[in-house]
mmCIF file of all heavy atoms, coordinates in Angstrom:
data_MODEL
# 
_entry.id   MODEL 
# 
loop_
_atom_site.group_PDB 
_atom_site.id 
_atom_site.type_symbol 
_atom_site.label_atom_id 
_atom_site.label_alt_id 
_atom_site.label_comp_id 
_atom_site.label_asym_id 
_atom_site.label_entity_id 
_atom_site.label_seq_id 
_atom_site.pdbx_PDB_ins_code 
_atom_site.Cartn_x 
_atom_site.Cartn_y 
_atom_site.Cartn_z 
_atom_site.occupancy 
_atom_site.B_iso_or_equiv 
_atom_site.pdbx_formal_charge 
_atom_site.auth_seq_id 
_atom_site.auth_comp_id 
_atom_site.auth_asym_id 
_atom_site.auth_atom_id 
_atom_site.pdbx_PDB_model_num 
ATOM 1   N N   . LEU A 1 1  ? -64.159 -6.186  100.567 1.00 0.00 ? 1  LEU A N   1 
ATOM 2   C CA  . LEU A 1 1  ? -63.088 -6.085  101.566 1.00 0.00 ? 1  LEU A CA  1 
ATOM 3   C C   . LEU A 1 1  ? -62.054 -7.184  101.383 1.00 0.00 ? 1  LEU A C   1 
ATOM 4   O O   . LEU A 1 1  ? -60.847 -6.958  101.582 1.00 0.00 ? 1  LEU A O   1 
ATOM 5   C CB  . LEU A 1 1  ? -63.681 -6.145  102.975 1.00 0.00 ? 1  LEU A CB  1 
ATOM 6   C CG  . LEU A 1 1  ? -64.531 -4.940  103.387 1.00 0.00 ? 1  LEU A CG  1 
ATOM 7   C CD1 . LEU A 1 1  ? -65.158 -5.164  104.752 1.00 0.00 ? 1  LEU A CD1 1 
ATOM 8   C CD2 . LEU A 1 1  ? -63.704 -3.661  103.395 1.00 0.00 ? 1  LEU A CD2 1 
ATOM 9   N N   . PHE A 1 2  ? -62.482 -8.390  101.013 1.00 0.00 ? 2  PHE A N   1 
ATOM 10  C CA  . PHE A 1 2  ? -61.544 -9.483  100.751 1.00 0.00 ? 2  PHE A CA  1 
ATOM 11  C C   . PHE A 1 2  ? -60.648 -9.108  99.570  1.00 0.00 ? 2  PHE A C   1 
ATOM 12  O O   . PHE A 1 2  ? -59.419 -9.263  99.619  1.00 0.00 ? 2  PHE A O   1 
ATOM 13  C CB  . PHE A 1 2  ? -62.331 -10.765 100.455 1.00 0.00 ? 2  PHE A CB  1 
ATOM 14  C CG  . PHE A 1 2  ? -61.530 -12.047 100.598 1.00 0.00 ? 2  PHE A CG  1 
ATOM 15  C CD1 . PHE A 1 2  ? -62.174 -13.280 100.555 1.00 0.00 ? 2  PHE A CD1 1 
ATOM 16  C CD2 . PHE A 1 2  ? -60.147 -12.053 100.771 1.00 0.00 ? 2  PHE A CD2 1 
ATOM 17  C CE1 . PHE A 1 2  ? -61.472 -14.471 100.697 1.00 0.00 ? 2  PHE A CE1 1 
ATOM 18  C CE2 . PHE A 1 2  ? -59.426 -13.237 100.909 1.00 0.00 ? 2  PHE A CE2 1 
ATOM 19  C CZ  . PHE A 1 2  ? -60.094 -14.443 100.862 1.00 0.00 ? 2  PHE A CZ  1 
ATOM 20  N N   . THR A 1 3  ? -61.257 -8.574  98.519  1.00 0.00 ? 3  THR A N   1 
ATOM 21  C CA  . THR A 1 3  ? -60.486 -8.168  97.337  1.00 0.00 ? 3  THR A CA  1 
ATOM 22  C C   . THR A 1 3  ? -59.540 -7.022  97.667  1.00 0.00 ? 3  THR A C   1 
ATOM 23  O O   . THR A 1 3  ? -58.372 -7.014  97.241  1.00 0.00 ? 3  THR A O   1 
ATOM 24  C CB  . THR A 1 3  ? -61.450 -7.760  96.204  1.00 0.00 ? 3  THR A CB  1 
ATOM 25  O OG1 . THR A 1 3  ? -62.339 -8.845  95.928  1.00 0.00 ? 3  THR A OG1 1 
ATOM 26  C CG2 . THR A 1 3  ? -60.686 -7.413  94.936  1.00 0.00 ? 3  THR A CG2 1 
ATOM 27  N N   . ASP A 1 4  ? -60.027 -6.041  98.426  1.00 0.00 ? 4  ASP A N   1 
ATOM 28  C CA  . ASP A 1 4  ? -59.174 -4.909  98.822  1.00 0.00 ? 4  ASP A CA  1 
ATOM 29  C C   . ASP A 1 4  ? -57.959 -5.388  99.618  1.00 0.00 ? 4  ASP A C   1 
ATOM 30  O O   . ASP A 1 4  ? -56.849 -4.844  99.471  1.00 0.00 ? 4  ASP A O   1 
ATOM 31  C CB  . ASP A 1 4  ? -59.966 -3.908  99.671  1.00 0.00 ? 4  ASP A CB  1 
ATOM 32  C CG  . ASP A 1 4  ? -60.998 -3.143  98.862  1.00 0.00 ? 4  ASP A CG  1 
ATOM 33  O OD1 . ASP A 1 4  ? -60.961 -3.213  97.623  1.00 0.00 ? 4  ASP A OD1 1 
ATOM 34  O OD2 . ASP A 1 4  ? -61.856 -2.477  99.475  1.00 0.00 ? 4  ASP A OD2 1 
ATOM 35  N N   . LYS A 1 5  ? -58.154 -6.396  100.466 1.00 0.00 ? 5  LYS A N   1 
ATOM 36  C CA  . LYS A 1 5  ? -57.066 -6.899  101.309 1.00 0.00 ? 5  LYS A CA  1 
ATOM 37  C C   . LYS A 1 5  ? -55.918 -7.436  100.467 1.00 0.00 ? 5  LYS A C   1 
ATOM 38  O O   . LYS A 1 5  ? -54.745 -7.307  100.845 1.00 0.00 ? 5  LYS A O   1 
ATOM 39  C CB  . LYS A 1 5  ? -57.595 -7.995  102.239 1.00 0.00 ? 5  LYS A CB  1 
ATOM 40  C CG  . LYS A 1 5  ? -56.579 -8.509  103.257 1.00 0.00 ? 5  LYS A CG  1 
ATOM 41  C CD  . LYS A 1 5  ? -56.259 -7.452  104.297 1.00 0.00 ? 5  LYS A CD  1 
ATOM 42  C CE  . LYS A 1 5  ? -55.237 -7.945  105.312 1.00 0.00 ? 5  LYS A CE  1 
ATOM 43  N NZ  . LYS A 1 5  ? -54.922 -6.920  106.322 1.00 0.00 ? 5  LYS A NZ  1 
ATOM 44  N N   . LEU A 1 6  ? -56.249 -8.023  99.317  1.00 0.00 ? 6  LEU A N   1 
ATOM 45  C CA  . LEU A 1 6  ? -55.203 -8.593  98.457  1.00 0.00 ? 6  LEU A CA  1 
ATOM 46  C C   . LEU A 1 6  ? -54.206 -7.525  98.018  1.00 0.00 ? 6  LEU A C   1 
ATOM 47  O O   . LEU A 1 6  ? -53.015 -7.810  97.832  1.00 0.00 ? 6  LEU A O   1 
ATOM 48  C CB  . LEU A 1 6  ? -55.837 -9.244  97.224  1.00 0.00 ? 6  LEU A CB  1 
ATOM 49  C CG  . LEU A 1 6  ? -56.745 -10.452 97.492  1.00 0.00 ? 6  LEU A CG  1 
ATOM 50  C CD1 . LEU A 1 6  ? -57.417 -10.903 96.205  1.00 0.00 ? 6  LEU A CD1 1 
ATOM 51  C CD2 . LEU A 1 6  ? -55.968 -11.589 98.113  1.00 0.00 ? 6  LEU A CD2 1 
ATOM 52  N N   . GLY A 1 7  ? -54.693 -6.288  97.883  1.00 0.00 ? 7  GLY A N   1 
ATOM 53  C CA  . GLY A 1 7  ? -53.810 -5.198  97.467  1.00 0.00 ? 7  GLY A CA  1 
ATOM 54  C C   . GLY A 1 7  ? -52.764 -4.838  98.496  1.00 0.00 ? 7  GLY A C   1 
ATOM 55  O O   . GLY A 1 7  ? -51.780 -4.146  98.181  1.00 0.00 ? 7  GLY A O   1 
ATOM 56  N N   . GLU A 1 8  ? -52.945 -5.288  99.734  1.00 0.00 ? 8  GLU A N   1 
ATOM 57  C CA  . GLU A 1 8  ? -51.989 -4.984  100.808 1.00 0.00 ? 8  GLU A CA  1 
ATOM 58  C C   . GLU A 1 8  ? -50.897 -6.049  100.952 1.00 0.00 ? 8  GLU A C   1 
ATOM 59  O O   . GLU A 1 8  ? -49.981 -5.888  101.751 1.00 0.00 ? 8  GLU A O   1 
ATOM 60  C CB  . GLU A 1 8  ? -52.731 -4.871  102.146 1.00 0.00 ? 8  GLU A CB  1 
ATOM 61  C CG  . GLU A 1 8  ? -53.824 -3.809  102.182 1.00 0.00 ? 8  GLU A CG  1 
ATOM 62  C CD  . GLU A 1 8  ? -54.626 -3.873  103.469 1.00 0.00 ? 8  GLU A CD  1 
ATOM 63  O OE1 . GLU A 1 8  ? -54.136 -4.489  104.444 1.00 0.00 ? 8  GLU A OE1 1 
ATOM 64  O OE2 . GLU A 1 8  ? -55.739 -3.329  103.513 1.00 0.00 ? 8  GLU A OE2 1 
ATOM 65  N N   . ILE A 1 9  ? -51.015 -7.146  100.195 1.00 0.00 ? 9  ILE A N   1 
ATOM 66  C CA  . ILE A 1 9  ? -50.134 -8.296  100.415 1.00 0.00 ? 9  ILE A CA  1 
ATOM 67  C C   . ILE A 1 9  ? -49.057 -8.338  99.348  1.00 0.00 ? 9  ILE A C   1 
ATOM 68  O O   . ILE A 1 9  ? -49.341 -8.465  98.148  1.00 0.00 ? 9  ILE A O   1 
ATOM 69  C CB  . ILE A 1 9  ? -50.955 -9.607  100.433 1.00 0.00 ? 9  ILE A CB  1 
ATOM 70  C CG1 . ILE A 1 9  ? -51.918 -9.578  101.622 1.00 0.00 ? 9  ILE A CG1 1 
ATOM 71  C CG2 . ILE A 1 9  ? -50.054 -10.831 100.508 1.00 0.00 ? 9  ILE A CG2 1 
ATOM 72  C CD1 . ILE A 1 9  ? -53.001 -10.602 101.577 1.00 0.00 ? 9  ILE A CD1 1 
ATOM 73  N N   . GLY A 1 10 ? -47.796 -8.233  99.791  1.00 0.00 ? 10 GLY A N   1 
ATOM 74  C CA  . GLY A 1 10 ? -46.672 -8.193  98.866  1.00 0.00 ? 10 GLY A CA  1 
ATOM 75  C C   . GLY A 1 10 ? -46.075 -9.547  98.555  1.00 0.00 ? 10 GLY A C   1 
ATOM 76  O O   . GLY A 1 10 ? -45.539 -9.756  97.464  1.00 0.00 ? 10 GLY A O   1 
ATOM 77  N N   . ASP A 1 11 ? -46.129 -10.485 99.480  1.00 0.00 ? 11 ASP A N   1 
ATOM 78  C CA  . ASP A 1 11 ? -45.537 -11.818 99.278  1.00 0.00 ? 11 ASP A CA  1 
ATOM 79  C C   . ASP A 1 11 ? -46.279 -12.542 98.144  1.00 0.00 ? 11 ASP A C   1 
ATOM 80  O O   . ASP A 1 11 ? -47.488 -12.744 98.207  1.00 0.00 ? 11 ASP A O   1 
ATOM 81  C CB  . ASP A 1 11 ? -45.634 -12.621 100.583 1.00 0.00 ? 11 ASP A CB  1 
ATOM 82  C CG  . ASP A 1 11 ? -44.956 -13.974 100.478 1.00 0.00 ? 11 ASP A CG  1 
ATOM 83  O OD1 . ASP A 1 11 ? -45.552 -14.888 99.870  1.00 0.00 ? 11 ASP A OD1 1 
ATOM 84  O OD2 . ASP A 1 11 ? -43.840 -14.130 101.016 1.00 0.00 ? 11 ASP A OD2 1 
ATOM 85  N N   . THR A 1 12 ? -45.547 -12.948 97.108  1.00 0.00 ? 12 THR A N   1 
ATOM 86  C CA  . THR A 1 12 ? -46.202 -13.500 95.910  1.00 0.00 ? 12 THR A CA  1 
ATOM 87  C C   . THR A 1 12 ? -46.883 -14.838 96.182  1.00 0.00 ? 12 THR A C   1 
ATOM 88  O O   . THR A 1 12 ? -47.990 -15.090 95.684  1.00 0.00 ? 12 THR A O   1 
ATOM 89  C CB  . THR A 1 12 ? -45.187 -13.670 94.760  1.00 0.00 ? 12 THR A CB  1 
ATOM 90  O OG1 . THR A 1 12 ? -44.065 -14.433 95.239  1.00 0.00 ? 12 THR A OG1 1 
ATOM 91  C CG2 . THR A 1 12 ? -44.696 -12.326 94.256  1.00 0.00 ? 12 THR A CG2 1 
ATOM 92  N N   . GLY A 1 13 ? -46.241 -15.706 96.972  1.00 0.00 ? 13 GLY A N   1 
ATOM 93  C CA  . GLY A 1 13 ? -46.838 -17.005 97.266  1.00 0.00 ? 13 GLY A CA  1 
ATOM 94  C C   . GLY A 1 13 ? -48.133 -16.863 98.037  1.00 0.00 ? 13 GLY A C   1 
ATOM 95  O O   . GLY A 1 13 ? -49.151 -17.504 97.705  1.00 0.00 ? 13 GLY A O   1 
ATOM 96  N N   . VAL A 1 14 ? -48.122 -16.007 99.057  1.00 0.00 ? 14 VAL A N   1 
ATOM 97  C CA  . VAL A 1 14 ? -49.316 -15.782 99.868  1.00 0.00 ? 14 VAL A CA  1 
ATOM 98  C C   . VAL A 1 14 ? -50.387 -15.079 99.035  1.00 0.00 ? 14 VAL A C   1 
ATOM 99  O O   . VAL A 1 14 ? -51.575 -15.437 99.091  1.00 0.00 ? 14 VAL A O   1 
ATOM 100 C CB  . VAL A 1 14 ? -48.976 -14.947 101.126 1.00 0.00 ? 14 VAL A CB  1 
ATOM 101 C CG1 . VAL A 1 14 ? -50.240 -14.510 101.853 1.00 0.00 ? 14 VAL A CG1 1 
ATOM 102 C CG2 . VAL A 1 14 ? -48.085 -15.753 102.061 1.00 0.00 ? 14 VAL A CG2 1 
ATOM 103 N N   . HIS A 1 15 ? -49.962 -14.098 98.242  1.00 0.00 ? 15 HIS A N   1 
ATOM 104 C CA  . HIS A 1 15 ? -50.923 -13.364 97.400  1.00 0.00 ? 15 HIS A CA  1 
ATOM 105 C C   . HIS A 1 15 ? -51.623 -14.318 96.435  1.00 0.00 ? 15 HIS A C   1 
ATOM 106 O O   . HIS A 1 15 ? -52.843 -14.238 96.231  1.00 0.00 ? 15 HIS A O   1 
ATOM 107 C CB  . HIS A 1 15 ? -50.209 -12.257 96.621  1.00 0.00 ? 15 HIS A CB  1 
ATOM 108 C CG  . HIS A 1 15 ? -51.144 -11.346 95.879  1.00 0.00 ? 15 HIS A CG  1 
ATOM 109 N ND1 . HIS A 1 15 ? -51.660 -11.676 94.639  1.00 0.00 ? 15 HIS A ND1 1 
ATOM 110 C CD2 . HIS A 1 15 ? -51.677 -10.136 96.199  1.00 0.00 ? 15 HIS A CD2 1 
ATOM 111 C CE1 . HIS A 1 15 ? -52.453 -10.703 94.230  1.00 0.00 ? 15 HIS A CE1 1 
ATOM 112 N NE2 . HIS A 1 15 ? -52.482 -9.757  95.151  1.00 0.00 ? 15 HIS A NE2 1 
ATOM 113 N N   . SER A 1 16 ? -50.875 -15.238 95.870  1.00 0.00 ? 16 SER A N   1 
ATOM 114 C CA  . SER A 1 16 ? -51.436 -16.174 94.901  1.00 0.00 ? 16 SER A CA  1 
ATOM 115 C C   . SER A 1 16 ? -52.496 -17.070 95.532  1.00 0.00 ? 16 SER A C   1 
ATOM 116 O O   . SER A 1 16 ? -53.604 -17.216 95.000  1.00 0.00 ? 16 SER A O   1 
ATOM 117 C CB  . SER A 1 16 ? -50.312 -17.031 94.302  1.00 0.00 ? 16 SER A CB  1 
ATOM 118 O OG  . SER A 1 16 ? -50.857 -18.024 93.458  1.00 0.00 ? 16 SER A OG  1 
ATOM 119 N N   . VAL A 1 17 ? -52.184 -17.645 96.698  1.00 0.00 ? 17 VAL A N   1 
ATOM 120 C CA  . VAL A 1 17 ? -53.136 -18.581 97.318  1.00 0.00 ? 17 VAL A CA  1 
ATOM 121 C C   . VAL A 1 17 ? -54.356 -17.839 97.872  1.00 0.00 ? 17 VAL A C   1 
ATOM 122 O O   . VAL A 1 17 ? -55.488 -18.338 97.798  1.00 0.00 ? 17 VAL A O   1 
ATOM 123 C CB  . VAL A 1 17 ? -52.441 -19.443 98.393  1.00 0.00 ? 17 VAL A CB  1 
ATOM 124 C CG1 . VAL A 1 17 ? -52.157 -18.658 99.665  1.00 0.00 ? 17 VAL A CG1 1 
ATOM 125 C CG2 . VAL A 1 17 ? -53.264 -20.689 98.703  1.00 0.00 ? 17 VAL A CG2 1 
ATOM 126 N N   . LEU A 1 18 ? -54.159 -16.617 98.400  1.00 0.00 ? 18 LEU A N   1 
ATOM 127 C CA  . LEU A 1 18 ? -55.307 -15.845 98.892  1.00 0.00 ? 18 LEU A CA  1 
ATOM 128 C C   . LEU A 1 18 ? -56.182 -15.358 97.734  1.00 0.00 ? 18 LEU A C   1 
ATOM 129 O O   . LEU A 1 18 ? -57.407 -15.266 97.879  1.00 0.00 ? 18 LEU A O   1 
ATOM 130 C CB  . LEU A 1 18 ? -54.836 -14.659 99.730  1.00 0.00 ? 18 LEU A CB  1 
ATOM 131 C CG  . LEU A 1 18 ? -54.336 -14.976 101.140 1.00 0.00 ? 18 LEU A CG  1 
ATOM 132 C CD1 . LEU A 1 18 ? -54.007 -13.687 101.890 1.00 0.00 ? 18 LEU A CD1 1 
ATOM 133 C CD2 . LEU A 1 18 ? -55.348 -15.792 101.931 1.00 0.00 ? 18 LEU A CD2 1 
ATOM 134 N N   . SER A 1 19 ? -55.570 -15.069 96.593  1.00 0.00 ? 19 SER A N   1 
ATOM 135 C CA  . SER A 1 19 ? -56.355 -14.680 95.413  1.00 0.00 ? 19 SER A CA  1 
ATOM 136 C C   . SER A 1 19 ? -57.245 -15.837 94.963  1.00 0.00 ? 19 SER A C   1 
ATOM 137 O O   . SER A 1 19 ? -58.399 -15.634 94.568  1.00 0.00 ? 19 SER A O   1 
ATOM 138 C CB  . SER A 1 19 ? -55.434 -14.260 94.266  1.00 0.00 ? 19 SER A CB  1 
ATOM 139 O OG  . SER A 1 19 ? -54.691 -13.106 94.615  1.00 0.00 ? 19 SER A OG  1 
ATOM 140 N N   . THR A 1 20 ? -56.687 -17.045 95.012  1.00 0.00 ? 20 THR A N   1 
ATOM 141 C CA  . THR A 1 20 ? -57.482 -18.234 94.665  1.00 0.00 ? 20 THR A CA  1 
ATOM 142 C C   . THR A 1 20 ? -58.639 -18.403 95.634  1.00 0.00 ? 20 THR A C   1 
ATOM 143 O O   . THR A 1 20 ? -59.773 -18.696 95.231  1.00 0.00 ? 20 THR A O   1 
ATOM 144 C CB  . THR A 1 20 ? -56.590 -19.491 94.683  1.00 0.00 ? 20 THR A CB  1 
ATOM 145 O OG1 . THR A 1 20 ? -55.451 -19.277 93.843  1.00 0.00 ? 20 THR A OG1 1 
ATOM 146 C CG2 . THR A 1 20 ? -57.349 -20.714 94.182  1.00 0.00 ? 20 THR A CG2 1 
ATOM 147 N N   . LEU A 1 21 ? -58.377 -18.209 96.930  1.00 0.00 ? 21 LEU A N   1 
ATOM 148 C CA  . LEU A 1 21 ? -59.441 -18.297 97.940  1.00 0.00 ? 21 LEU A CA  1 
ATOM 149 C C   . LEU A 1 21 ? -60.506 -17.227 97.711  1.00 0.00 ? 21 LEU A C   1 
ATOM 150 O O   . LEU A 1 21 ? -61.708 -17.506 97.800  1.00 0.00 ? 21 LEU A O   1 
ATOM 151 C CB  . LEU A 1 21 ? -58.860 -18.128 99.341  1.00 0.00 ? 21 LEU A CB  1 
ATOM 152 C CG  . LEU A 1 21 ? -58.304 -19.352 100.069 1.00 0.00 ? 21 LEU A CG  1 
ATOM 153 C CD1 . LEU A 1 21 ? -57.736 -18.931 101.410 1.00 0.00 ? 21 LEU A CD1 1 
ATOM 154 C CD2 . LEU A 1 21 ? -59.368 -20.428 100.256 1.00 0.00 ? 21 LEU A CD2 1 
ATOM 155 N N   . ALA A 1 22 ? -60.070 -16.002 97.447  1.00 0.00 ? 22 ALA A N   1 
ATOM 156 C CA  . ALA A 1 22 ? -61.015 -14.902 97.238  1.00 0.00 ? 22 ALA A CA  1 
ATOM 157 C C   . ALA A 1 22 ? -61.891 -15.166 96.019  1.00 0.00 ? 22 ALA A C   1 
ATOM 158 O O   . ALA A 1 22 ? -63.104 -14.911 96.034  1.00 0.00 ? 22 ALA A O   1 
ATOM 159 C CB  . ALA A 1 22 ? -60.266 -13.581 97.084  1.00 0.00 ? 22 ALA A CB  1 
ATOM 160 N N   . LEU A 1 23 ? -61.282 -15.696 94.954  1.00 0.00 ? 23 LEU A N   1 
ATOM 161 C CA  . LEU A 1 23 ? -62.041 -16.004 93.744  1.00 0.00 ? 23 LEU A CA  1 
ATOM 162 C C   . LEU A 1 23 ? -63.047 -17.123 94.011  1.00 0.00 ? 23 LEU A C   1 
ATOM 163 O O   . LEU A 1 23 ? -64.197 -17.059 93.561  1.00 0.00 ? 23 LEU A O   1 
ATOM 164 C CB  . LEU A 1 23 ? -61.081 -16.395 92.613  1.00 0.00 ? 23 LEU A CB  1 
ATOM 165 C CG  . LEU A 1 23 ? -61.672 -16.502 91.213  1.00 0.00 ? 23 LEU A CG  1 
ATOM 166 C CD1 . LEU A 1 23 ? -62.360 -15.210 90.804  1.00 0.00 ? 23 LEU A CD1 1 
ATOM 167 C CD2 . LEU A 1 23 ? -60.578 -16.865 90.203  1.00 0.00 ? 23 LEU A CD2 1 
ATOM 168 N N   . LEU A 1 24 ? -62.632 -18.138 94.780  1.00 0.00 ? 24 LEU A N   1 
ATOM 169 C CA  . LEU A 1 24 ? -63.553 -19.224 95.122  1.00 0.00 ? 24 LEU A CA  1 
ATOM 170 C C   . LEU A 1 24 ? -64.721 -18.696 95.954  1.00 0.00 ? 24 LEU A C   1 
ATOM 171 O O   . LEU A 1 24 ? -65.891 -19.029 95.691  1.00 0.00 ? 24 LEU A O   1 
ATOM 172 C CB  . LEU A 1 24 ? -62.828 -20.330 95.890  1.00 0.00 ? 24 LEU A CB  1 
ATOM 173 C CG  . LEU A 1 24 ? -63.722 -21.479 96.377  1.00 0.00 ? 24 LEU A CG  1 
ATOM 174 C CD1 . LEU A 1 24 ? -64.358 -22.210 95.203  1.00 0.00 ? 24 LEU A CD1 1 
ATOM 175 C CD2 . LEU A 1 24 ? -62.936 -22.460 97.247  1.00 0.00 ? 24 LEU A CD2 1 
ATOM 176 N N   . TYR A 1 25 ? -64.413 -17.868 96.961  1.00 0.00 ? 25 TYR A N   1 
ATOM 177 C CA  . TYR A 1 25 ? -65.485 -17.317 97.799  1.00 0.00 ? 25 TYR A CA  1 
ATOM 178 C C   . TYR A 1 25 ? -66.486 -16.529 96.950  1.00 0.00 ? 25 TYR A C   1 
ATOM 179 O O   . TYR A 1 25 ? -67.704 -16.659 97.110  1.00 0.00 ? 25 TYR A O   1 
ATOM 180 C CB  . TYR A 1 25 ? -64.905 -16.408 98.888  1.00 0.00 ? 25 TYR A CB  1 
ATOM 181 C CG  . TYR A 1 25 ? -65.976 -15.795 99.762  1.00 0.00 ? 25 TYR A CG  1 
ATOM 182 C CD1 . TYR A 1 25 ? -66.546 -16.514 100.796 1.00 0.00 ? 25 TYR A CD1 1 
ATOM 183 C CD2 . TYR A 1 25 ? -66.447 -14.505 99.518  1.00 0.00 ? 25 TYR A CD2 1 
ATOM 184 C CE1 . TYR A 1 25 ? -67.564 -15.974 101.583 1.00 0.00 ? 25 TYR A CE1 1 
ATOM 185 C CE2 . TYR A 1 25 ? -67.457 -13.951 100.296 1.00 0.00 ? 25 TYR A CE2 1 
ATOM 186 C CZ  . TYR A 1 25 ? -68.009 -14.691 101.327 1.00 0.00 ? 25 TYR A CZ  1 
ATOM 187 O OH  . TYR A 1 25 ? -69.027 -14.155 102.085 1.00 0.00 ? 25 TYR A OH  1 
ATOM 188 N N   . THR A 1 26 ? -65.961 -15.735 96.030  1.00 0.00 ? 26 THR A N   1 
ATOM 189 C CA  . THR A 1 26 ? -66.801 -14.861 95.209  1.00 0.00 ? 26 THR A CA  1 
ATOM 190 C C   . THR A 1 26 ? -67.652 -15.657 94.227  1.00 0.00 ? 26 THR A C   1 
ATOM 191 O O   . THR A 1 26 ? -68.862 -15.430 94.107  1.00 0.00 ? 26 THR A O   1 
ATOM 192 C CB  . THR A 1 26 ? -65.909 -13.851 94.462  1.00 0.00 ? 26 THR A CB  1 
ATOM 193 O OG1 . THR A 1 26 ? -65.101 -13.139 95.418  1.00 0.00 ? 26 THR A OG1 1 
ATOM 194 C CG2 . THR A 1 26 ? -66.728 -12.863 93.671  1.00 0.00 ? 26 THR A CG2 1 
ATOM 195 N N   . LEU A 1 27 ? -67.040 -16.614 93.526  1.00 0.00 ? 27 LEU A N   1 
ATOM 196 C CA  . LEU A 1 27 ? -67.778 -17.409 92.537  1.00 0.00 ? 27 LEU A CA  1 
ATOM 197 C C   . LEU A 1 27 ? -68.769 -18.357 93.211  1.00 0.00 ? 27 LEU A C   1 
ATOM 198 O O   . LEU A 1 27 ? -69.878 -18.570 92.707  1.00 0.00 ? 27 LEU A O   1 
ATOM 199 C CB  . LEU A 1 27 ? -66.799 -18.202 91.662  1.00 0.00 ? 27 LEU A CB  1 
ATOM 200 C CG  . LEU A 1 27 ? -65.900 -17.375 90.736  1.00 0.00 ? 27 LEU A CG  1 
ATOM 201 C CD1 . LEU A 1 27 ? -64.959 -18.286 89.958  1.00 0.00 ? 27 LEU A CD1 1 
ATOM 202 C CD2 . LEU A 1 27 ? -66.725 -16.517 89.785  1.00 0.00 ? 27 LEU A CD2 1 
# 
């Protein structure tokens, strides 16, 4: 669900930082 949420986010700055958070949570 965290990964799916990233697909809804268009703002590049926000998408970038949330992708980093999602990757940290997952790893």
